[in-house]
Amino acid sequence: MRGLACRRALVCLAETDVVRDRGRAYCDGLKASGWAGEVELLEVAGQGHCFHLVDFTCDDAVRQDDAIARFLNL
């Protein structure tokens, strides 16, 4: 992961997602790899896997989409 070409990474997790721990491990791995970039972690409380696709108009999905848009536009 040290050679990752980007300078920033955003990892979005949902609190009750069955693969949440893998996302956390990815963040930890990036930080431990010597990669010089910045990792931002966004975890949405009380939501499960693909919540933003099941109900894309719910408040949590809208907030996550807004966070992704802000990240991409920096």
C-alpha atoms as a PDB file:
ATOM      1  CA  MET A   1       0.000   0.000   0.000  1.00  0.00           C
ATOM      2  CA  ARG A   2       2.986   2.252   0.414  1.00  0.00           C
ATOM      3  CA  GLY A   3       3.031   2.911  -3.331  1.00  0.00           C
ATOM      4  CA  LEU A   4      -0.602   4.015  -3.539  1.00  0.00           C
ATOM      5  CA  ALA A   5      -0.658   6.819  -6.111  1.00  0.00           C
ATOM      6  CA  CYS A   6      -3.272   9.075  -4.525  1.00  0.00           C
ATOM      7  CA  ARG A   7      -2.564  11.589  -1.761  1.00  0.00           C
ATOM      8  CA  ARG A   8      -5.866  11.146   0.079  1.00  0.00           C
ATOM      9  CA  ALA A   9      -8.259   8.289   0.776  1.00  0.00           C
ATOM     10  CA  LEU A  10     -11.785   8.293   2.167  1.00  0.00           C
ATOM     11  CA  VAL A  11     -13.108   5.069   3.672  1.00  0.00           C
ATOM     12  CA  CYS A  12     -16.850   4.970   4.405  1.00  0.00           C
ATOM     13  CA  LEU A  13     -18.141   2.451   6.913  1.00  0.00           C
ATOM     14  CA  ALA A  14     -21.524   1.585   8.350  1.00  0.00           C
ATOM     15  CA  GLU A  15     -21.619   0.676  12.048  1.00  0.00           C
ATOM     16  CA  THR A  16     -23.487  -2.623  11.691  1.00  0.00           C
ATOM     17  CA  ASP A  17     -21.982  -3.624   8.323  1.00  0.00           C
ATOM     18  CA  VAL A  18     -20.577  -7.162   8.360  1.00  0.00           C
ATOM     19  CA  VAL A  19     -17.433  -5.939   6.553  1.00  0.00           C
ATOM     20  CA  ARG A  20     -16.861  -2.884   8.762  1.00  0.00           C
ATOM     21  CA  ASP A  21     -13.809  -4.457  10.389  1.00  0.00           C
ATOM     22  CA  ARG A  22     -12.183  -4.916   6.973  1.00  0.00           C
ATOM     23  CA  GLY A  23     -12.611  -1.218   6.307  1.00  0.00           C
ATOM     24  CA  ARG A  24     -10.995  -0.373   9.627  1.00  0.00           C
ATOM     25  CA  ALA A  25      -8.164  -2.797   8.867  1.00  0.00           C
ATOM     26  CA  TYR A  26      -7.648  -1.096   5.497  1.00  0.00           C
ATOM     27  CA  CYS A  27      -7.336   2.306   7.210  1.00  0.00           C
ATOM     28  CA  ASP A  28      -4.913   0.899   9.756  1.00  0.00           C
ATOM     29  CA  GLY A  29      -2.931  -0.810   7.001  1.00  0.00           C
ATOM     30  CA  LEU A  30      -2.611   2.413   5.036  1.00  0.00           C
ATOM     31  CA  LYS A  31      -1.374   4.275   8.090  1.00  0.00           C
ATOM     32  CA  ALA A  32       1.105   1.529   9.017  1.00  0.00           C
ATOM     33  CA  SER A  33       2.401   1.044   5.461  1.00  0.00           C
ATOM     34  CA  GLY A  34       4.451   4.205   5.338  1.00  0.00           C
ATOM     35  CA  TRP A  35       2.094   5.687   2.751  1.00  0.00           C
ATOM     36  CA  ALA A  36       2.533   9.452   2.883  1.00  0.00           C
ATOM     37  CA  GLY A  37      -1.116  10.257   2.209  1.00  0.00           C
ATOM     38  CA  GLU A  38      -4.013  11.249   4.436  1.00  0.00           C
ATOM     39  CA  VAL A  39      -6.737   8.758   5.386  1.00  0.00           C
ATOM     40  CA  GLU A  40     -10.193  10.005   6.330  1.00  0.00           C
ATOM     41  CA  LEU A  41     -12.614   7.582   7.978  1.00  0.00           C
ATOM     42  CA  LEU A  42     -16.360   8.172   7.897  1.00  0.00           C
ATOM     43  CA  GLU A  43     -18.476   5.784   9.953  1.00  0.00           C
ATOM     44  CA  VAL A  44     -22.256   6.051   9.900  1.00  0.00           C
ATOM     45  CA  ALA A  45     -23.830   4.972  13.194  1.00  0.00           C
ATOM     46  CA  GLY A  46     -26.701   2.513  13.265  1.00  0.00           C
ATOM     47  CA  GLN A  47     -26.554   1.559   9.591  1.00  0.00           C
ATOM     48  CA  GLY A  48     -25.747  -1.685   7.793  1.00  0.00           C
ATOM     49  CA  HIS A  49     -24.192  -2.790   4.531  1.00  0.00           C
ATOM     50  CA  CYS A  50     -25.343  -0.771   1.481  1.00  0.00           C
ATOM     51  CA  PHE A  51     -27.793   1.286   3.542  1.00  0.00           C
ATOM     52  CA  HIS A  52     -27.260   4.193   1.153  1.00  0.00           C
ATOM     53  CA  LEU A  53     -28.511   2.094  -1.767  1.00  0.00           C
ATOM     54  CA  VAL A  54     -31.542   0.689   0.044  1.00  0.00           C
ATOM     55  CA  ASP A  55     -32.849   4.131   1.010  1.00  0.00           C
ATOM     56  CA  PHE A  56     -30.760   6.764  -0.728  1.00  0.00           C
ATOM     57  CA  THR A  57     -32.983   9.565   0.569  1.00  0.00           C
ATOM     58  CA  CYS A  58     -32.545   8.786   4.277  1.00  0.00           C
ATOM     59  CA  ASP A  59     -30.702  11.421   6.308  1.00  0.00           C
ATOM     60  CA  ASP A  60     -27.637   9.206   6.829  1.00  0.00           C
ATOM     61  CA  ALA A  61     -27.312   8.456   3.112  1.00  0.00           C
ATOM     62  CA  VAL A  62     -27.613  12.130   2.221  1.00  0.00           C
ATOM     63  CA  ARG A  63     -24.989  13.072   4.841  1.00  0.00           C
ATOM     64  CA  GLN A  64     -22.637  10.379   3.549  1.00  0.00           C
ATOM     65  CA  ASP A  65     -23.123  11.547  -0.051  1.00  0.00           C
ATOM     66  CA  ASP A  66     -22.406  15.121   1.048  1.00  0.00           C
ATOM     67  CA  ALA A  67     -19.217  13.994   2.822  1.00  0.00           C
ATOM     68  CA  ILE A  68     -18.076  12.134  -0.297  1.00  0.00           C
ATOM     69  CA  ALA A  69     -18.780  15.186  -2.475  1.00  0.00           C
ATOM     70  CA  ARG A  70     -16.817  17.450  -0.100  1.00  0.00           C
ATOM     71  CA  PHE A  71     -13.909  14.990  -0.110  1.00  0.00           C
ATOM     72  CA  LEU A  72     -13.839  14.837  -3.909  1.00  0.00           C
ATOM     73  CA  ASN A  73     -14.080  18.593  -4.308  1.00  0.00           C
ATOM     74  CA  LEU A  74     -11.169  19.484  -2.016  1.00  0.00           C
END
